[in-house]
Protein backbone atom coordinates (compact mmCIF):
# COMPACT_ATOMS: atom_id res chain seq x y z
CA MET A 1 0.00 0.00 0.00
CA ILE A 2 1.43 3.34 -1.08
CA THR A 3 0.16 6.38 0.81
CA LEU A 4 0.47 9.89 -0.59
CA GLY A 5 1.03 12.44 2.18
CA ILE A 6 0.34 16.17 1.95
CA GLU A 7 1.46 18.64 4.62
CA SER A 8 0.86 22.42 4.68
CA SER A 9 0.05 23.30 8.28
CA CYS A 10 2.49 26.21 8.56
CA ASP A 11 5.23 27.45 6.22
CA ASP A 12 6.56 24.20 4.72
CA THR A 13 4.88 22.61 1.71
CA SER A 14 5.61 18.89 1.65
CA ILE A 15 4.63 15.89 -0.46
CA ALA A 16 5.68 12.31 0.28
CA LEU A 17 5.08 8.72 -0.74
CA VAL A 18 5.36 6.06 1.97
CA GLU A 19 4.99 2.30 1.56
CA ASN A 20 3.11 0.37 4.26
CA GLY A 21 3.66 3.18 6.75
CA THR A 22 7.30 2.26 7.36
CA ARG A 23 9.33 2.97 4.21
CA VAL A 24 9.78 6.38 2.66
CA ILE A 25 9.77 6.17 -1.12
CA SER A 26 10.04 9.91 -1.72
CA SER A 27 9.78 12.94 0.56
CA LEU A 28 10.04 16.51 -0.71
CA VAL A 29 9.82 19.72 1.31
CA SER A 30 9.66 23.26 -0.02
CA SER A 31 10.73 25.63 2.75
CA GLN A 32 9.61 29.23 3.09
CA ILE A 33 12.23 30.22 5.68
CA GLU A 34 13.95 32.75 3.43
CA ILE A 35 10.62 34.36 2.58
CA HIS A 36 9.57 34.83 6.21
CA ARG A 37 13.03 35.64 7.57
CA ARG A 38 12.57 39.35 6.91
CA PHE A 39 9.46 39.34 9.11
CA GLY A 40 11.07 37.38 11.96
CA GLY A 41 8.24 34.84 11.85
CA VAL A 42 5.59 33.25 9.66
CA VAL A 43 3.02 35.53 8.00
CA PRO A 44 -0.05 33.31 7.41
CA GLU A 45 -1.32 35.11 4.29
CA VAL A 46 2.10 34.99 2.64
CA ALA A 47 2.48 31.32 3.57
CA SER A 48 -0.90 30.48 2.03
CA ARG A 49 0.03 32.07 -1.30
CA LYS A 50 3.34 30.21 -1.45
CA HIS A 51 1.58 26.91 -0.71
CA LEU A 52 -0.75 27.58 -3.64
CA GLU A 53 2.20 28.21 -5.94
CA THR A 54 4.18 25.19 -4.76
CA VAL A 55 1.89 22.26 -3.97
CA LEU A 56 1.11 20.96 -7.49
CA PRO A 57 4.65 21.36 -8.93
CA LEU A 58 5.97 19.60 -5.81
CA LEU A 59 3.46 16.78 -6.30
CA ARG A 60 4.65 16.33 -9.89
CA ASP A 61 8.29 16.30 -8.74
CA CYS A 62 7.53 13.70 -6.06
CA LEU A 63 5.78 11.39 -8.52
CA ASP A 64 8.43 11.86 -11.22
CA SER A 65 11.37 11.26 -8.86
CA SER A 66 9.82 8.06 -7.52
CA GLY A 67 8.66 6.71 -10.88
CA ILE A 68 5.20 6.12 -9.42
CA GLN A 69 2.01 7.01 -11.26
CA LEU A 70 -0.88 8.70 -9.50
CA GLU A 71 -3.04 5.63 -10.24
CA GLU A 72 -0.68 3.43 -8.22
CA ILE A 73 -1.36 5.33 -4.99
CA GLY A 74 -3.66 3.47 -2.62
CA GLN A 75 -4.80 6.34 -0.39
CA ILE A 76 -4.21 10.00 0.40
CA ALA A 77 -3.35 11.34 3.86
CA VAL A 78 -3.47 15.06 4.56
CA THR A 79 -3.00 17.36 7.51
CA SER A 80 -6.36 18.86 8.47
CA GLY A 81 -5.19 20.43 11.75
CA PRO A 82 -3.94 21.88 13.95
CA GLY A 83 -2.13 24.74 12.23
CA LEU A 84 -2.64 28.00 10.39
CA LEU A 85 -6.07 27.91 8.78
CA GLY A 86 -5.10 29.40 5.39
CA PRO A 87 -2.17 27.06 4.77
CA LEU A 88 -4.20 24.07 6.01
CA LEU A 89 -6.96 24.82 3.52
CA VAL A 90 -4.52 24.74 0.60
CA GLY A 91 -3.27 21.25 1.44
CA LEU A 92 -6.69 19.88 2.38
CA SER A 93 -8.36 21.26 -0.76
CA THR A 94 -5.62 19.72 -2.90
CA ALA A 95 -6.02 16.35 -1.19
CA LYS A 96 -9.82 16.43 -1.57
CA ALA A 97 -9.52 17.20 -5.26
CA LEU A 98 -7.07 14.33 -5.78
CA ALA A 99 -9.24 11.93 -3.76
CA TRP A 100 -12.33 12.88 -5.75
CA TYR A 101 -10.52 12.60 -9.07
CA THR A 102 -8.82 9.26 -8.36
CA GLY A 103 -11.54 7.72 -6.20
CA LYS A 104 -8.92 6.93 -3.53
CA PRO A 105 -9.73 7.08 0.21
CA LEU A 106 -8.92 10.35 1.99
CA ILE A 107 -7.47 10.19 5.52
CA PRO A 108 -7.50 13.39 7.62
CA VAL A 109 -4.45 13.48 9.90
CA ASN A 110 -3.74 15.33 13.13
CA HIS A 111 -0.39 17.04 12.58
CA ILE A 112 0.79 16.67 16.20
CA GLU A 113 -0.10 12.99 16.37
CA ALA A 114 1.86 12.44 13.16
CA HIS A 115 5.01 13.90 14.74
CA LEU A 116 5.06 10.95 17.14
CA THR A 117 4.79 8.49 14.24
CA ALA A 118 7.90 10.08 12.69
CA SER A 119 10.16 8.34 15.20
CA PHE A 120 8.74 4.92 14.30
CA LEU A 121 9.10 5.80 10.61
CA THR A 122 12.77 6.60 11.22
CA ALA A 123 13.20 3.15 12.77
CA GLY A 124 11.23 1.48 9.96
CA ARG A 125 8.79 0.06 12.51
CA GLU A 126 5.08 0.07 13.15
CA PRO A 127 3.97 2.06 16.23
CA GLU A 128 4.19 -0.01 19.41
CA TYR A 129 2.00 0.78 22.41
CA PRO A 130 1.99 2.01 25.06
CA PHE A 131 4.60 4.74 24.94
CA LEU A 132 5.37 8.14 26.39
CA GLY A 133 5.59 10.95 23.88
CA LEU A 134 7.13 14.42 24.14
CA ILE A 135 6.21 16.77 21.28
CA VAL A 136 8.23 19.99 21.29
CA SER A 137 8.07 22.57 18.52
CA GLY A 138 7.44 26.20 17.68
CA GLY A 139 3.79 25.89 18.63
CA HIS A 140 3.61 22.94 21.01
CA ALA A 141 4.98 21.40 24.18
CA ASN A 142 2.89 18.33 24.97
CA LEU A 143 3.70 15.35 27.15
CA VAL A 144 1.34 12.46 26.38
CA PHE A 145 0.86 8.83 27.33
CA VAL A 146 -0.23 6.90 24.24
CA GLU A 147 -2.15 3.65 24.69
CA GLY A 148 -3.19 2.98 21.09
CA PRO A 149 -3.94 4.59 17.70
CA ARG A 150 -5.45 8.04 18.43
CA GLN A 151 -5.68 7.17 22.15
CA TYR A 152 -3.85 9.94 23.99
CA ASN A 153 -3.77 10.93 27.63
CA CYS A 154 -2.31 14.43 27.77
CA LEU A 155 -0.28 14.65 30.97
CA GLY A 156 0.90 18.21 30.51
CA ARG A 157 1.33 21.10 28.10
CA THR A 158 2.70 24.61 28.07
CA LEU A 159 0.74 27.38 29.76
CA ASP A 160 2.18 30.04 27.47
CA ASP A 161 5.06 29.96 24.99
CA ALA A 162 6.23 26.79 23.27
CA PRO A 163 9.99 26.02 23.36
CA GLY A 164 10.49 26.80 19.66
CA GLU A 165 8.60 30.04 20.16
CA LEU A 166 10.91 30.83 23.07
CA PHE A 167 13.98 30.28 20.89
CA ASP A 168 12.53 32.46 18.10
CA LYS A 169 11.76 35.34 20.48
CA VAL A 170 15.13 35.17 22.22
CA ALA A 171 16.98 34.99 18.87
CA ARG A 172 15.05 38.03 17.66
CA HIS A 173 15.92 39.94 20.85
CA LEU A 174 19.58 39.01 20.47
CA GLN A 175 19.46 39.84 16.74
CA LEU A 176 20.74 36.39 15.83
CA GLY A 177 18.29 35.69 13.00
CA TYR A 178 15.44 33.34 12.19
CA PRO A 179 14.52 30.57 12.87
CA GLY A 180 15.73 30.78 16.44
CA GLY A 181 16.32 27.12 17.31
CA PRO A 182 19.12 26.35 14.84
CA VAL A 183 20.88 29.70 15.30
CA ILE A 184 20.80 29.47 19.12
CA GLN A 185 22.21 25.95 18.97
CA LYS A 186 25.00 27.03 16.61
CA THR A 187 25.84 30.13 18.66
CA GLY A 188 25.97 28.13 21.89
CA GLU A 189 28.03 25.20 20.59
CA ASN A 190 31.19 26.18 22.47
CA GLY A 191 29.50 28.18 25.22
CA ASP A 192 29.63 27.63 28.97
CA GLN A 193 26.29 26.17 30.07
CA LYS A 194 26.92 27.24 33.68
CA ARG A 195 27.87 30.84 32.95
CA TYR A 196 24.40 32.30 33.47
CA THR A 197 21.91 31.11 36.06
CA LEU A 198 18.48 30.89 34.48
CA PRO A 199 15.24 29.70 36.15
CA ARG A 200 13.51 26.37 35.53
CA PRO A 201 9.85 27.54 35.49
CA MET A 202 7.24 25.21 37.01
CA SER A 203 9.90 23.01 38.61
CA GLY A 204 8.20 20.69 41.08
CA LYS A 205 4.76 21.53 39.61
CA GLY A 206 3.94 18.20 38.01
CA TYR A 207 3.70 18.08 34.24
CA ILE A 208 2.91 21.72 33.49
CA PHE A 209 5.34 23.65 31.27
CA SER A 210 5.96 27.39 31.11
CA PHE A 211 8.56 29.23 29.05
CA SER A 212 7.55 32.90 29.02
CA GLY A 213 9.33 33.53 32.34
CA LEU A 214 12.50 32.01 30.94
CA LYS A 215 12.32 34.42 28.02
CA THR A 216 12.01 37.33 30.46
CA ALA A 217 14.97 36.04 32.49
CA VAL A 218 17.15 35.97 29.36
CA MET A 219 16.24 39.57 28.57
CA ARG A 220 17.17 40.61 32.10
CA VAL A 221 20.57 38.96 31.74
CA VAL A 222 21.10 40.84 28.48
CA ALA A 223 20.21 44.16 30.12
CA HIS A 224 22.38 43.47 33.18
CA GLU A 225 25.48 42.26 31.33
CA GLY A 226 25.59 44.97 28.68
CA ASP A 227 28.86 44.89 26.76
CA ASN A 228 30.11 42.00 28.94
CA LEU A 229 27.46 39.66 27.58
CA SER A 230 28.73 36.40 26.09
CA LEU A 231 26.26 35.23 23.45
CA PRO A 232 27.73 31.68 23.25
CA ASP A 233 27.46 31.28 27.02
CA LEU A 234 23.94 32.69 27.15
CA CYS A 235 22.72 30.44 24.32
CA ALA A 236 24.33 27.42 25.96
CA SER A 237 22.78 28.30 29.33
CA LEU A 238 19.36 28.73 27.75
CA GLN A 239 19.46 25.35 26.02
CA LEU A 240 20.49 23.68 29.26
CA ALA A 241 17.59 25.32 31.11
CA VAL A 242 15.07 24.14 28.51
CA SER A 243 16.55 20.66 28.54
CA ASP A 244 16.46 20.48 32.35
CA ILE A 245 12.77 21.42 32.35
CA PHE A 246 11.94 18.54 30.03
CA VAL A 247 14.19 16.08 31.85
CA GLU A 248 12.34 16.73 35.13
CA LYS A 249 8.85 16.37 33.64
CA VAL A 250 9.62 13.37 31.43
CA GLY A 251 11.52 11.65 34.23
CA LEU A 252 8.48 12.00 36.48
CA ALA A 253 6.22 10.61 33.76
CA LEU A 254 8.49 7.62 33.10
CA LYS A 255 8.42 6.83 36.81
CA GLU A 256 4.67 7.22 37.27
CA THR A 257 3.45 5.60 34.03
CA LYS A 258 6.16 2.91 34.07
CA ALA A 259 6.45 3.40 30.31
CA ARG A 260 9.30 1.49 28.71
CA ARG A 261 9.32 3.41 25.45
CA LEU A 262 9.92 7.15 25.01
CA ILE A 263 9.31 9.08 21.79
CA LEU A 264 10.76 12.54 21.15
CA ALA A 265 9.15 14.52 18.33
CA GLY A 266 8.75 17.96 16.78
CA GLY A 267 11.07 20.63 15.46
CA VAL A 268 12.83 21.23 18.78
CA ALA A 269 13.59 17.48 18.90
CA ALA A 270 16.44 18.37 16.52
CA ASN A 271 18.22 20.22 19.33
CA THR A 272 21.41 18.34 20.21
CA VAL A 273 21.38 19.28 23.90
CA LEU A 274 17.82 18.00 24.32
CA ARG A 275 18.50 14.80 22.36
CA ASN A 276 21.54 13.99 24.48
CA SER A 277 19.63 14.69 27.70
CA MET A 278 16.79 12.38 26.64
CA LEU A 279 19.28 9.63 25.79
CA LYS A 280 20.72 9.81 29.29
CA LEU A 281 17.27 9.95 30.88
CA ALA A 282 15.98 6.94 28.94
CA LYS A 283 19.05 4.94 29.90
CA LYS A 284 18.56 5.86 33.56
CA HIS A 285 14.96 4.60 33.47
CA HIS A 286 15.76 1.54 31.34
CA ALA A 287 13.44 2.81 28.60
CA GLU A 288 13.87 2.60 24.83
CA LEU A 289 14.23 6.02 23.20
CA LEU A 290 13.16 6.56 19.60
CA LEU A 291 14.37 9.74 17.92
CA PRO A 292 13.34 11.07 14.51
CA THR A 293 16.01 11.97 11.97
CA LEU A 294 16.57 15.71 11.65
CA HIS A 295 14.59 15.69 8.39
CA LEU A 296 11.60 14.09 10.14
CA CYS A 297 11.76 16.45 13.14
CA THR A 298 10.46 19.40 11.14
CA ASP A 299 7.12 19.48 9.33
CA ASN A 300 7.03 16.88 6.56
CA ALA A 301 4.54 14.83 4.60
CA ALA A 302 6.27 11.49 5.22
CA MET A 303 5.06 11.45 8.83
CA ILE A 304 1.57 12.44 7.60
CA ALA A 305 1.51 9.53 5.17
CA ALA A 306 2.79 7.08 7.79
CA HIS A 307 0.31 8.20 10.43
CA GLY A 308 -2.47 8.11 7.87
CA PHE A 309 -1.60 4.51 7.02
CA PHE A 310 -1.84 3.41 10.65
CA THR A 311 -5.05 5.33 11.39
CA ALA A 312 -6.89 4.75 8.09
CA HIS A 313 -9.31 2.36 9.79
CA LEU A 314 -10.39 5.18 12.11
CA ALA A 315 -11.01 7.78 9.38
CA PRO A 316 -14.64 8.82 8.82
CA ALA A 317 -16.43 7.43 5.78
CA ASN A 318 -17.29 10.92 4.58
CA SER A 319 -13.74 12.30 4.75
CA LEU A 320 -14.36 14.62 1.80
CA ALA A 321 -16.56 16.66 4.16
CA VAL A 322 -13.82 17.09 6.81
CA ASN A 323 -12.87 20.69 7.55
CA ALA A 324 -9.50 22.25 8.29
CA VAL A 325 -9.29 23.31 11.93
CA ALA A 326 -6.73 25.55 13.60
CA ASN A 327 -7.04 23.83 16.98
CA TRP A 328 -7.52 20.07 16.95
CA GLU A 329 -6.84 18.19 20.17
CA MET A 330 -4.81 15.00 19.88
CA GLY A 331 -7.21 12.06 19.74
CA GLY A 332 -10.14 14.43 19.32
CA PRO A 333 -13.04 13.88 16.88
CA TYR A 334 -12.80 14.82 13.21
CA HIS A 335 -14.31 18.19 12.34
CA PHE A 336 -17.07 18.69 9.76
């Protein structure tokens, strides 16, 4: 079974072909980073227009590079939420048109759920339950216990900023560029993680995350240090603080749920400091850790196709009537 995946929830247009949910045949991503860099963040209207320009040429490139004909595709999986409504509508409308034209089944996919499937796709394995999942990105920080396909118990989430959002805002304040995550990691590569003492918000408060106070603390350090500020040390200290927050919460969840499998997912899952911390934590708790490749950390259609394959039996019969939705809870009902 070959699944065509379509992803357009934010600023990346992506098309992919995945066989049996575990093997990537072709995966193409058209990034809009350079377009949005001048704004310091994603402009939804601009992103929507670029998706419109890109999605069909990218589909042709994906089919041509794989040597697969549209008629050979068994089903179509598409992100229908959560995300920016305009960009979502471009991808969903494209998928609906293809499904109607080809007569192939359409599978609406929750973008955040699909991030967790990316780690299994990296390993070339089917999802194995139960597992503990940490999704960290520019818009999300969710800690979930997963008992089966689309069966999620959300243990905790951020009260305010997401970690990727934190990195973007700090990078903008420090005039380092956009996107913030990669540039902060690069700047802090040789920095002293202990140079600046930053808070660990919500420490000892269960599974709740908060990052806005950490952003404020960084700005206070910048104002206090003035010309003596070391950007490498500050970036290194910030990454350590973020990593420590997740280590505490995930460690508690591993202990209380007794999960023996940990999945790290989302754009911030590409951060080297966080990946190394999770490796150590999983080893301490005798848990298996599955990490996505860097390509599968960011938004991509391969994870959409894979997740669609494994949740096809749960898709509604009238999928062509499914709507795009900006806020779609993991495991929540499909929207019409």
